[in-house]
């Protein structure tokens, strides 16, 4: 059975008490640095980009298996939802998923190794 995305579209309530709907729009990668994968979401005043470290993703996939597009969208979507609900600052630096963060999100989503 194919994995079905749970965070391609989601609602998050910030500390201001307002619920906002977010939707995944597109993915890409940056051909510099550790070549992170980028996941673009819309739902606020501006597009939001969540970055998954290319090095962390490659290491996890070498050790376990390749993640599907939908699984990676859910990792990025859950990360963004948590960041908004925690009231954390939404900056480029705060929207980067590293190795330990990736492992934690995959476990939370119940994505098998």
PDB file of N, CA and C in Angstrom:
ATOM      1  N   UNK A   1       0.841  -1.178   0.000  1.00  0.00           N
ATOM      2  CA  UNK A   1       0.000   0.000   0.000  1.00  0.00           C
ATOM      3  C   UNK A   1       0.891   1.246   0.000  1.00  0.00           C
ATOM      4  N   UNK A   2       0.599   2.201  -0.839  1.00  0.00           N
ATOM      5  CA  UNK A   2       1.387   3.420  -0.966  1.00  0.00           C
ATOM      6  C   UNK A   2       1.168   4.338   0.241  1.00  0.00           C
ATOM      7  N   UNK A   3       2.219   5.041   0.592  1.00  0.00           N
ATOM      8  CA  UNK A   3       2.159   6.004   1.693  1.00  0.00           C
ATOM      9  C   UNK A   3       1.295   7.188   1.272  1.00  0.00           C
ATOM     10  N   UNK A   4       0.384   7.605   2.128  1.00  0.00           N
ATOM     11  CA  UNK A   4      -0.462   8.761   1.849  1.00  0.00           C
ATOM     12  C   UNK A   4      -0.044   9.919   2.741  1.00  0.00           C
ATOM     13  N   UNK A   5       0.191  11.058   2.141  1.00  0.00           N
ATOM     14  CA  UNK A   5       0.652  12.235   2.863  1.00  0.00           C
ATOM     15  C   UNK A   5      -0.409  12.755   3.826  1.00  0.00           C
ATOM     16  N   UNK A   6       0.028  13.068   5.034  1.00  0.00           N
ATOM     17  CA  UNK A   6      -0.859  13.638   6.045  1.00  0.00           C
ATOM     18  C   UNK A   6      -0.619  15.136   6.225  1.00  0.00           C
ATOM     19  N   UNK A   7       0.499  15.647   5.689  1.00  0.00           N
ATOM     20  CA  UNK A   7       0.847  17.051   5.891  1.00  0.00           C
ATOM     21  C   UNK A   7       1.052  17.810   4.591  1.00  0.00           C
ATOM     22  N   UNK A   8       0.484  17.305   3.490  1.00  0.00           N
ATOM     23  CA  UNK A   8       0.547  18.061   2.236  1.00  0.00           C
ATOM     24  C   UNK A   8      -0.286  19.327   2.393  1.00  0.00           C
ATOM     25  N   UNK A   9      -1.366  19.216   3.133  1.00  0.00           N
ATOM     26  CA  UNK A   9      -2.191  20.352   3.544  1.00  0.00           C
ATOM     27  C   UNK A   9      -2.484  20.155   5.020  1.00  0.00           C
ATOM     28  N   UNK A  10      -2.279  21.201   5.814  1.00  0.00           N
ATOM     29  CA  UNK A  10      -2.519  21.088   7.248  1.00  0.00           C
ATOM     30  C   UNK A  10      -2.881  22.451   7.818  1.00  0.00           C
ATOM     31  N   UNK A  11      -3.405  22.436   9.031  1.00  0.00           N
ATOM     32  CA  UNK A  11      -3.757  23.663   9.735  1.00  0.00           C
ATOM     33  C   UNK A  11      -2.880  23.783  10.960  1.00  0.00           C
ATOM     34  N   UNK A  12      -2.409  24.987  11.232  1.00  0.00           N
ATOM     35  CA  UNK A  12      -1.573  25.238  12.401  1.00  0.00           C
ATOM     36  C   UNK A  12      -2.048  26.512  13.080  1.00  0.00           C
ATOM     37  N   UNK A  13      -2.074  26.480  14.396  1.00  0.00           N
ATOM     38  CA  UNK A  13      -2.486  27.635  15.184  1.00  0.00           C
ATOM     39  C   UNK A  13      -1.260  28.192  15.894  1.00  0.00           C
ATOM     40  N   UNK A  14      -0.959  29.437  15.623  1.00  0.00           N
ATOM     41  CA  UNK A  14       0.190  30.088  16.243  1.00  0.00           C
ATOM     42  C   UNK A  14      -0.163  30.634  17.613  1.00  0.00           C
ATOM     43  N   UNK A  15       0.796  31.263  18.245  1.00  0.00           N
ATOM     44  CA  UNK A  15       0.580  31.826  19.576  1.00  0.00           C
ATOM     45  C   UNK A  15      -0.411  32.982  19.574  1.00  0.00           C
ATOM     46  N   UNK A  16      -0.697  33.532  18.408  1.00  0.00           N
ATOM     47  CA  UNK A  16      -1.691  34.605  18.309  1.00  0.00           C
ATOM     48  C   UNK A  16      -3.116  34.059  18.355  1.00  0.00           C
ATOM     49  N   UNK A  17      -3.256  32.724  18.351  1.00  0.00           N
ATOM     50  CA  UNK A  17      -4.571  32.096  18.422  1.00  0.00           C
ATOM     51  C   UNK A  17      -5.267  31.927  17.086  1.00  0.00           C
ATOM     52  N   UNK A  18      -4.667  32.393  16.021  1.00  0.00           N
ATOM     53  CA  UNK A  18      -5.269  32.270  14.695  1.00  0.00           C
ATOM     54  C   UNK A  18      -4.820  30.987  14.010  1.00  0.00           C
ATOM     55  N   UNK A  19      -5.778  30.243  13.507  1.00  0.00           N
ATOM     56  CA  UNK A  19      -5.481  29.026  12.747  1.00  0.00           C
ATOM     57  C   UNK A  19      -5.285  29.405  11.285  1.00  0.00           C
ATOM     58  N   UNK A  20      -4.269  28.840  10.698  1.00  0.00           N
ATOM     59  CA  UNK A  20      -3.986  29.084   9.290  1.00  0.00           C
ATOM     60  C   UNK A  20      -3.806  27.750   8.584  1.00  0.00           C
ATOM     61  N   UNK A  21      -4.270  27.707   7.350  1.00  0.00           N
ATOM     62  CA  UNK A  21      -4.130  26.506   6.539  1.00  0.00           C
ATOM     63  C   UNK A  21      -2.880  26.660   5.674  1.00  0.00           C
ATOM     64  N   UNK A  22      -2.072  25.608   5.629  1.00  0.00           N
ATOM     65  CA  UNK A  22      -0.856  25.602   4.833  1.00  0.00           C
ATOM     66  C   UNK A  22      -0.939  24.480   3.812  1.00  0.00           C
ATOM     67  N   UNK A  23      -0.391  24.728   2.636  1.00  0.00           N
ATOM     68  CA  UNK A  23      -0.405  23.741   1.557  1.00  0.00           C
ATOM     69  C   UNK A  23       0.971  23.653   0.925  1.00  0.00           C
ATOM     70  N   UNK A  24       1.399  22.415   0.695  1.00  0.00           N
ATOM     71  CA  UNK A  24       2.645  22.171  -0.023  1.00  0.00           C
ATOM     72  C   UNK A  24       2.442  22.599  -1.468  1.00  0.00           C
ATOM     73  N   UNK A  25       3.436  23.285  -2.039  1.00  0.00           N
ATOM     74  CA  UNK A  25       3.324  23.747  -3.421  1.00  0.00           C
ATOM     75  C   UNK A  25       4.337  23.096  -4.355  1.00  0.00           C
ATOM     76  N   UNK A  26       5.595  23.014  -3.935  1.00  0.00           N
ATOM     77  CA  UNK A  26       6.606  22.414  -4.813  1.00  0.00           C
ATOM     78  C   UNK A  26       7.847  22.076  -4.007  1.00  0.00           C
ATOM     79  N   UNK A  27       8.705  21.267  -4.618  1.00  0.00           N
ATOM     80  CA  UNK A  27       9.965  20.877  -3.994  1.00  0.00           C
ATOM     81  C   UNK A  27      11.101  21.119  -4.974  1.00  0.00           C
ATOM     82  N   UNK A  28      12.280  21.239  -4.434  1.00  0.00           N
ATOM     83  CA  UNK A  28      13.460  21.405  -5.263  1.00  0.00           C
ATOM     84  C   UNK A  28      14.682  21.124  -4.419  1.00  0.00           C
ATOM     85  N   UNK A  29      15.842  21.446  -4.938  1.00  0.00           N
ATOM     86  CA  UNK A  29      17.056  21.290  -4.153  1.00  0.00           C
ATOM     87  C   UNK A  29      18.016  22.399  -4.513  1.00  0.00           C
ATOM     88  N   UNK A  30      18.937  22.648  -3.626  1.00  0.00           N
ATOM     89  CA  UNK A  30      19.939  23.668  -3.817  1.00  0.00           C
ATOM     90  C   UNK A  30      21.235  22.971  -4.214  1.00  0.00           C
ATOM     91  N   UNK A  31      21.812  23.380  -5.301  1.00  0.00           N
ATOM     92  CA  UNK A  31      23.018  22.726  -5.811  1.00  0.00           C
ATOM     93  C   UNK A  31      24.285  23.344  -5.217  1.00  0.00           C
ATOM     94  N   UNK A  32      24.222  23.696  -3.948  1.00  0.00           N
ATOM     95  CA  UNK A  32      25.376  24.261  -3.241  1.00  0.00           C
ATOM     96  C   UNK A  32      25.369  23.731  -1.821  1.00  0.00           C
ATOM     97  N   UNK A  33      26.491  23.883  -1.143  1.00  0.00           N
ATOM     98  CA  UNK A  33      26.580  23.414   0.237  1.00  0.00           C
ATOM     99  C   UNK A  33      26.373  21.912   0.312  1.00  0.00           C
ATOM    100  N   UNK A  34      25.524  21.474   1.254  1.00  0.00           N
ATOM    101  CA  UNK A  34      25.276  20.029   1.372  1.00  0.00           C
ATOM    102  C   UNK A  34      24.108  19.586   0.497  1.00  0.00           C
ATOM    103  N   UNK A  35      23.742  20.424  -0.461  1.00  0.00           N
ATOM    104  CA  UNK A  35      22.669  20.162  -1.431  1.00  0.00           C
ATOM    105  C   UNK A  35      21.349  19.806  -0.737  1.00  0.00           C
ATOM    106  N   UNK A  36      20.838  20.735   0.069  1.00  0.00           N
ATOM    107  CA  UNK A  36      19.587  20.470   0.786  1.00  0.00           C
ATOM    108  C   UNK A  36      18.391  20.381  -0.154  1.00  0.00           C
ATOM    109  N   UNK A  37      17.392  19.617   0.297  1.00  0.00           N
ATOM    110  CA  UNK A  37      16.114  19.577  -0.416  1.00  0.00           C
ATOM    111  C   UNK A  37      15.229  20.661   0.172  1.00  0.00           C
ATOM    112  N   UNK A  38      14.509  21.365  -0.693  1.00  0.00           N
ATOM    113  CA  UNK A  38      13.678  22.496  -0.293  1.00  0.00           C
ATOM    114  C   UNK A  38      12.212  22.166  -0.533  1.00  0.00           C
ATOM    115  N   UNK A  39      11.364  22.470   0.450  1.00  0.00           N
ATOM    116  CA  UNK A  39       9.930  22.206   0.364  1.00  0.00           C
ATOM    117  C   UNK A  39       9.200  23.522   0.596  1.00  0.00           C
ATOM    118  N   UNK A  40       8.437  23.942  -0.414  1.00  0.00           N
ATOM    119  CA  UNK A  40       7.764  25.236  -0.404  1.00  0.00           C
ATOM    120  C   UNK A  40       6.307  25.060   0.012  1.00  0.00           C
ATOM    121  N   UNK A  41       5.892  25.847   1.014  1.00  0.00           N
ATOM    122  CA  UNK A  41       4.518  25.835   1.507  1.00  0.00           C
ATOM    123  C   UNK A  41       3.940  27.237   1.394  1.00  0.00           C
ATOM    124  N   UNK A  42       2.637  27.318   1.139  1.00  0.00           N
ATOM    125  CA  UNK A  42       1.925  28.592   1.131  1.00  0.00           C
ATOM    126  C   UNK A  42       0.845  28.537   2.188  1.00  0.00           C
ATOM    127  N   UNK A  43       0.521  29.705   2.728  1.00  0.00           N
ATOM    128  CA  UNK A  43      -0.546  29.754   3.714  1.00  0.00           C
ATOM    129  C   UNK A  43      -0.429  30.955   4.619  1.00  0.00           C
ATOM    130  N   UNK A  44       0.673  31.638   4.559  1.00  0.00           N
ATOM    131  CA  UNK A  44       0.830  32.848   5.350  1.00  0.00           C
ATOM    132  C   UNK A  44       0.947  34.006   4.365  1.00  0.00           C
ATOM    133  N   UNK A  45       1.487  35.094   4.833  1.00  0.00           N
ATOM    134  CA  UNK A  45       1.620  36.269   3.963  1.00  0.00           C
ATOM    135  C   UNK A  45       2.652  36.053   2.862  1.00  0.00           C
ATOM    136  N   UNK A  46       3.553  35.120   3.090  1.00  0.00           N
ATOM    137  CA  UNK A  46       4.616  34.845   2.121  1.00  0.00           C
ATOM    138  C   UNK A  46       4.871  33.347   2.060  1.00  0.00           C
ATOM    139  N   UNK A  47       5.432  32.876   0.964  1.00  0.00           N
ATOM    140  CA  UNK A  47       5.778  31.446   0.905  1.00  0.00           C
ATOM    141  C   UNK A  47       6.813  31.116   1.979  1.00  0.00           C
ATOM    142  N   UNK A  48       6.743  29.905   2.501  1.00  0.00           N
ATOM    143  CA  UNK A  48       7.685  29.446   3.514  1.00  0.00           C
ATOM    144  C   UNK A  48       8.428  28.241   2.949  1.00  0.00           C
ATOM    145  N   UNK A  49       9.744  28.235   3.107  1.00  0.00           N
ATOM    146  CA  UNK A  49      10.580  27.162   2.589  1.00  0.00           C
ATOM    147  C   UNK A  49      11.199  26.413   3.765  1.00  0.00           C
ATOM    148  N   UNK A  50      10.950  25.103   3.801  1.00  0.00           N
ATOM    149  CA  UNK A  50      11.573  24.228   4.797  1.00  0.00           C
ATOM    150  C   UNK A  50      12.688  23.474   4.095  1.00  0.00           C
ATOM    151  N   UNK A  51      13.844  23.426   4.737  1.00  0.00           N
ATOM    152  CA  UNK A  51      15.043  22.830   4.163  1.00  0.00           C
ATOM    153  C   UNK A  51      15.387  21.549   4.926  1.00  0.00           C
ATOM    154  N   UNK A  52      15.563  20.453   4.207  1.00  0.00           N
ATOM    155  CA  UNK A  52      16.058  19.208   4.807  1.00  0.00           C
ATOM    156  C   UNK A  52      17.514  19.055   4.381  1.00  0.00           C
ATOM    157  N   UNK A  53      18.400  18.974   5.355  1.00  0.00           N
ATOM    158  CA  UNK A  53      19.821  18.828   5.067  1.00  0.00           C
ATOM    159  C   UNK A  53      20.052  17.681   4.094  1.00  0.00           C
ATOM    160  N   UNK A  54      20.741  17.973   2.995  1.00  0.00           N
ATOM    161  CA  UNK A  54      21.051  16.939   2.012  1.00  0.00           C
ATOM    162  C   UNK A  54      21.954  15.871   2.594  1.00  0.00           C
ATOM    163  N   UNK A  55      22.879  16.280   3.443  1.00  0.00           N
ATOM    164  CA  UNK A  55      23.804  15.339   4.072  1.00  0.00           C
ATOM    165  C   UNK A  55      23.052  14.412   5.033  1.00  0.00           C
ATOM    166  N   UNK A  56      22.150  14.980   5.849  1.00  0.00           N
ATOM    167  CA  UNK A  56      21.375  14.164   6.795  1.00  0.00           C
ATOM    168  C   UNK A  56      20.456  13.202   6.055  1.00  0.00           C
ATOM    169  N   UNK A  57      19.814  13.683   5.005  1.00  0.00           N
ATOM    170  CA  UNK A  57      18.909  12.838   4.224  1.00  0.00           C
ATOM    171  C   UNK A  57      19.669  11.697   3.545  1.00  0.00           C
ATOM    172  N   UNK A  58      20.805  12.017   2.939  1.00  0.00           N
ATOM    173  CA  UNK A  58      21.611  10.994   2.260  1.00  0.00           C
ATOM    174  C   UNK A  58      22.106   9.943   3.250  1.00  0.00           C
ATOM    175  N   UNK A  59      22.536  10.375   4.424  1.00  0.00           N
ATOM    176  CA  UNK A  59      23.034   9.427   5.431  1.00  0.00           C
ATOM    177  C   UNK A  59      21.914   8.502   5.895  1.00  0.00           C
ATOM    178  N   UNK A  60      20.729   9.059   6.155  1.00  0.00           N
ATOM    179  CA  UNK A  60      19.601   8.236   6.607  1.00  0.00           C
ATOM    180  C   UNK A  60      19.210   7.241   5.521  1.00  0.00           C
ATOM    181  N   UNK A  61      19.149   7.710   4.279  1.00  0.00           N
ATOM    182  CA  UNK A  61      18.739   6.841   3.180  1.00  0.00           C
ATOM    183  C   UNK A  61      19.780   5.758   2.883  1.00  0.00           C
ATOM    184  N   UNK A  62      21.046   6.052   3.054  1.00  0.00           N
ATOM    185  CA  UNK A  62      22.084   5.023   2.881  1.00  0.00           C
ATOM    186  C   UNK A  62      21.959   3.944   3.955  1.00  0.00           C
ATOM    187  N   UNK A  63      21.635   4.357   5.173  1.00  0.00           N
ATOM    188  CA  UNK A  63      21.557   3.421   6.302  1.00  0.00           C
ATOM    189  C   UNK A  63      20.257   2.622   6.305  1.00  0.00           C
ATOM    190  N   UNK A  64      19.191   3.164   5.700  1.00  0.00           N
ATOM    191  CA  UNK A  64      17.879   2.518   5.804  1.00  0.00           C
ATOM    192  C   UNK A  64      17.268   2.239   4.431  1.00  0.00           C
ATOM    193  N   UNK A  65      16.636   3.233   3.864  1.00  0.00           N
ATOM    194  CA  UNK A  65      15.982   3.095   2.562  1.00  0.00           C
ATOM    195  C   UNK A  65      15.692   4.492   2.028  1.00  0.00           C
ATOM    196  N   UNK A  66      15.350   4.564   0.758  1.00  0.00           N
ATOM    197  CA  UNK A  66      14.984   5.856   0.187  1.00  0.00           C
ATOM    198  C   UNK A  66      13.583   6.243   0.638  1.00  0.00           C
ATOM    199  N   UNK A  67      13.413   7.520   0.943  1.00  0.00           N
ATOM    200  CA  UNK A  67      12.105   8.039   1.330  1.00  0.00           C
ATOM    201  C   UNK A  67      11.355   8.482   0.078  1.00  0.00           C
ATOM    202  N   UNK A  68      10.053   8.276   0.094  1.00  0.00           N
ATOM    203  CA  UNK A  68       9.223   8.723  -1.028  1.00  0.00           C
ATOM    204  C   UNK A  68       9.044  10.237  -0.958  1.00  0.00           C
ATOM    205  N   UNK A  69       8.614  10.790  -2.051  1.00  0.00           N
ATOM    206  CA  UNK A  69       8.315  12.231  -2.115  1.00  0.00           C
ATOM    207  C   UNK A  69       7.308  12.602  -1.036  1.00  0.00           C
ATOM    208  N   UNK A  70       6.258  11.799  -0.878  1.00  0.00           N
ATOM    209  CA  UNK A  70       5.199  12.081   0.102  1.00  0.00           C
ATOM    210  C   UNK A  70       5.730  12.021   1.534  1.00  0.00           C
ATOM    211  N   UNK A  71       6.629  11.078   1.795  1.00  0.00           N
ATOM    212  CA  UNK A  71       7.209  10.981   3.142  1.00  0.00           C
ATOM    213  C   UNK A  71       8.038  12.225   3.466  1.00  0.00           C
ATOM    214  N   UNK A  72       8.805  12.703   2.485  1.00  0.00           N
ATOM    215  CA  UNK A  72       9.621  13.897   2.714  1.00  0.00           C
ATOM    216  C   UNK A  72       8.750  15.149   2.852  1.00  0.00           C
ATOM    217  N   UNK A  73       7.652  15.226   2.125  1.00  0.00           N
ATOM    218  CA  UNK A  73       6.711  16.339   2.279  1.00  0.00           C
ATOM    219  C   UNK A  73       6.160  16.330   3.707  1.00  0.00           C
ATOM    220  N   UNK A  74       5.823  15.147   4.224  1.00  0.00           N
ATOM    221  CA  UNK A  74       5.298  15.061   5.584  1.00  0.00           C
ATOM    222  C   UNK A  74       6.336  15.450   6.629  1.00  0.00           C
ATOM    223  N   UNK A  75       7.582  15.081   6.420  1.00  0.00           N
ATOM    224  CA  UNK A  75       8.645  15.492   7.342  1.00  0.00           C
ATOM    225  C   UNK A  75       8.697  17.020   7.393  1.00  0.00           C
ATOM    226  N   UNK A  76       8.730  17.650   6.224  1.00  0.00           N
ATOM    227  CA  UNK A  76       8.800  19.110   6.158  1.00  0.00           C
ATOM    228  C   UNK A  76       7.529  19.756   6.714  1.00  0.00           C
ATOM    229  N   UNK A  77       6.364  19.197   6.388  1.00  0.00           N
ATOM    230  CA  UNK A  77       5.101  19.755   6.867  1.00  0.00           C
ATOM    231  C   UNK A  77       4.948  19.658   8.372  1.00  0.00           C
ATOM    232  N   UNK A  78       5.284  18.502   8.953  1.00  0.00           N
ATOM    233  CA  UNK A  78       5.206  18.351  10.407  1.00  0.00           C
ATOM    234  C   UNK A  78       6.179  19.292  11.096  1.00  0.00           C
ATOM    235  N   UNK A  79       7.376  19.424  10.550  1.00  0.00           N
ATOM    236  CA  UNK A  79       8.366  20.343  11.111  1.00  0.00           C
ATOM    237  C   UNK A  79       7.826  21.775  11.128  1.00  0.00           C
ATOM    238  N   UNK A  80       7.247  22.216  10.003  1.00  0.00           N
ATOM    239  CA  UNK A  80       6.696  23.567   9.917  1.00  0.00           C
ATOM    240  C   UNK A  80       5.537  23.746  10.891  1.00  0.00           C
ATOM    241  N   UNK A  81       4.642  22.777  10.954  1.00  0.00           N
ATOM    242  CA  UNK A  81       3.499  22.855  11.879  1.00  0.00           C
ATOM    243  C   UNK A  81       3.978  23.005  13.321  1.00  0.00           C
ATOM    244  N   UNK A  82       4.952  22.202  13.711  1.00  0.00           N
ATOM    245  CA  UNK A  82       5.494  22.294  15.077  1.00  0.00           C
ATOM    246  C   UNK A  82       6.118  23.656  15.338  1.00  0.00           C
ATOM    247  N   UNK A  83       6.895  24.149  14.377  1.00  0.00           N
ATOM    248  CA  UNK A  83       7.569  25.445  14.537  1.00  0.00           C
ATOM    249  C   UNK A  83       6.541  26.557  14.738  1.00  0.00           C
ATOM    250  N   UNK A  84       5.467  26.538  13.966  1.00  0.00           N
ATOM    251  CA  UNK A  84       4.420  27.563  14.085  1.00  0.00           C
ATOM    252  C   UNK A  84       3.724  27.448  15.431  1.00  0.00           C
ATOM    253  N   UNK A  85       3.346  26.230  15.820  1.00  0.00           N
ATOM    254  CA  UNK A  85       2.605  26.040  17.064  1.00  0.00           C
ATOM    255  C   UNK A  85       3.457  26.305  18.301  1.00  0.00           C
ATOM    256  N   UNK A  86       4.769  26.130  18.195  1.00  0.00           N
ATOM    257  CA  UNK A  86       5.674  26.452  19.299  1.00  0.00           C
ATOM    258  C   UNK A  86       5.853  27.961  19.442  1.00  0.00           C
ATOM    259  N   UNK A  87       5.505  28.692  18.401  1.00  0.00           N
ATOM    260  CA  UNK A  87       5.701  30.131  18.423  1.00  0.00           C
ATOM    261  C   UNK A  87       7.118  30.528  18.076  1.00  0.00           C
ATOM    262  N   UNK A  88       7.845  29.584  17.518  1.00  0.00           N
ATOM    263  CA  UNK A  88       9.228  29.853  17.137  1.00  0.00           C
ATOM    264  C   UNK A  88       9.311  30.842  15.987  1.00  0.00           C
ATOM    265  N   UNK A  89      10.452  31.487  15.902  1.00  0.00           N
ATOM    266  CA  UNK A  89      10.685  32.441  14.836  1.00  0.00           C
ATOM    267  C   UNK A  89      10.746  31.716  13.500  1.00  0.00           C
ATOM    268  N   UNK A  90      10.115  32.284  12.499  1.00  0.00           N
ATOM    269  CA  UNK A  90      10.091  31.687  11.164  1.00  0.00           C
ATOM    270  C   UNK A  90      11.127  32.417  10.312  1.00  0.00           C
ATOM    271  N   UNK A  91      12.348  31.885  10.346  1.00  0.00           N
ATOM    272  CA  UNK A  91      13.441  32.442   9.554  1.00  0.00           C
ATOM    273  C   UNK A  91      14.097  31.302   8.786  1.00  0.00           C
ATOM    274  N   UNK A  92      14.913  31.646   7.817  1.00  0.00           N
ATOM    275  CA  UNK A  92      15.599  30.612   7.041  1.00  0.00           C
ATOM    276  C   UNK A  92      16.430  29.709   7.953  1.00  0.00           C
ATOM    277  N   UNK A  93      17.076  30.291   8.950  1.00  0.00           N
ATOM    278  CA  UNK A  93      17.912  29.512   9.859  1.00  0.00           C
ATOM    279  C   UNK A  93      17.093  28.565  10.728  1.00  0.00           C
ATOM    280  N   UNK A  94      15.870  28.942  11.067  1.00  0.00           N
ATOM    281  CA  UNK A  94      15.052  28.121  11.969  1.00  0.00           C
ATOM    282  C   UNK A  94      14.245  27.060  11.229  1.00  0.00           C
ATOM    283  N   UNK A  95      14.308  27.043   9.913  1.00  0.00           N
ATOM    284  CA  UNK A  95      13.517  26.094   9.120  1.00  0.00           C
ATOM    285  C   UNK A  95      14.386  25.046   8.439  1.00  0.00           C
ATOM    286  N   UNK A  96      15.467  24.686   9.092  1.00  0.00           N
ATOM    287  CA  UNK A  96      16.393  23.678   8.555  1.00  0.00           C
ATOM    288  C   UNK A  96      16.329  22.427   9.424  1.00  0.00           C
ATOM    289  N   UNK A  97      16.127  21.279   8.790  1.00  0.00           N
ATOM    290  CA  UNK A  97      16.062  19.999   9.488  1.00  0.00           C
ATOM    291  C   UNK A  97      17.413  19.311   9.351  1.00  0.00           C
ATOM    292  N   UNK A  98      18.031  18.992  10.491  1.00  0.00           N
ATOM    293  CA  UNK A  98      19.317  18.303  10.491  1.00  0.00           C
ATOM    294  C   UNK A  98      19.122  16.817  10.783  1.00  0.00           C
ATOM    295  N   UNK A  99      20.216  16.076  10.964  1.00  0.00           N
ATOM    296  CA  UNK A  99      20.149  14.631  11.181  1.00  0.00           C
ATOM    297  C   UNK A  99      19.285  14.194  12.352  1.00  0.00           C
ATOM    298  N   UNK A 100      19.571  14.669  13.583  1.00  0.00           N
ATOM    299  CA  UNK A 100      18.745  14.256  14.721  1.00  0.00           C
ATOM    300  C   UNK A 100      17.275  14.691  14.566  1.00  0.00           C
ATOM    301  N   UNK A 101      17.067  15.865  14.005  1.00  0.00           N
ATOM    302  CA  UNK A 101      15.702  16.341  13.772  1.00  0.00           C
ATOM    303  C   UNK A 101      14.962  15.477  12.770  1.00  0.00           C
ATOM    304  N   UNK A 102      15.664  15.051  11.725  1.00  0.00           N
ATOM    305  CA  UNK A 102      15.076  14.185  10.710  1.00  0.00           C
ATOM    306  C   UNK A 102      14.653  12.861  11.329  1.00  0.00           C
ATOM    307  N   UNK A 103      15.526  12.262  12.101  1.00  0.00           N
ATOM    308  CA  UNK A 103      15.221  10.980  12.752  1.00  0.00           C
ATOM    309  C   UNK A 103      14.002  11.118  13.670  1.00  0.00           C
ATOM    310  N   UNK A 104      13.944  12.167  14.442  1.00  0.00           N
ATOM    311  CA  UNK A 104      12.826  12.412  15.360  1.00  0.00           C
ATOM    312  C   UNK A 104      11.511  12.561  14.603  1.00  0.00           C
ATOM    313  N   UNK A 105      11.511  13.321  13.530  1.00  0.00           N
ATOM    314  CA  UNK A 105      10.295  13.536  12.741  1.00  0.00           C
ATOM    315  C   UNK A 105       9.822  12.243  12.078  1.00  0.00           C
ATOM    316  N   UNK A 106      10.750  11.458  11.563  1.00  0.00           N
ATOM    317  CA  UNK A 106      10.390  10.185  10.937  1.00  0.00           C
ATOM    318  C   UNK A 106       9.746   9.248  11.961  1.00  0.00           C
ATOM    319  N   UNK A 107      10.294   9.227  13.171  1.00  0.00           N
ATOM    320  CA  UNK A 107       9.704   8.405  14.234  1.00  0.00           C
ATOM    321  C   UNK A 107       8.309   8.900  14.601  1.00  0.00           C
ATOM    322  N   UNK A 108       8.156  10.206  14.734  1.00  0.00           N
ATOM    323  CA  UNK A 108       6.851  10.798  15.088  1.00  0.00           C
ATOM    324  C   UNK A 108       5.794  10.463  14.030  1.00  0.00           C
ATOM    325  N   UNK A 109       6.200  10.450  12.778  1.00  0.00           N
ATOM    326  CA  UNK A 109       5.280  10.143  11.679  1.00  0.00           C
ATOM    327  C   UNK A 109       5.024   8.637  11.543  1.00  0.00           C
ATOM    328  N   UNK A 110       5.806   7.830  12.224  1.00  0.00           N
ATOM    329  CA  UNK A 110       5.655   6.388  12.126  1.00  0.00           C
ATOM    330  C   UNK A 110       6.159   5.814  10.808  1.00  0.00           C
ATOM    331  N   UNK A 111       7.108   6.513  10.189  1.00  0.00           N
ATOM    332  CA  UNK A 111       7.657   6.062   8.916  1.00  0.00           C
ATOM    333  C   UNK A 111       8.721   5.003   9.223  1.00  0.00           C
ATOM    334  N   UNK A 112       8.550   3.796   8.695  1.00  0.00           N
ATOM    335  CA  UNK A 112       9.471   2.696   8.997  1.00  0.00           C
ATOM    336  C   UNK A 112      10.834   2.873   8.334  1.00  0.00           C
ATOM    337  N   UNK A 113      11.832   2.240   8.950  1.00  0.00           N
ATOM    338  CA  UNK A 113      13.204   2.302   8.421  1.00  0.00           C
ATOM    339  C   UNK A 113      13.380   1.380   7.257  1.00  0.00           C
TER     340      UNK A 113
END
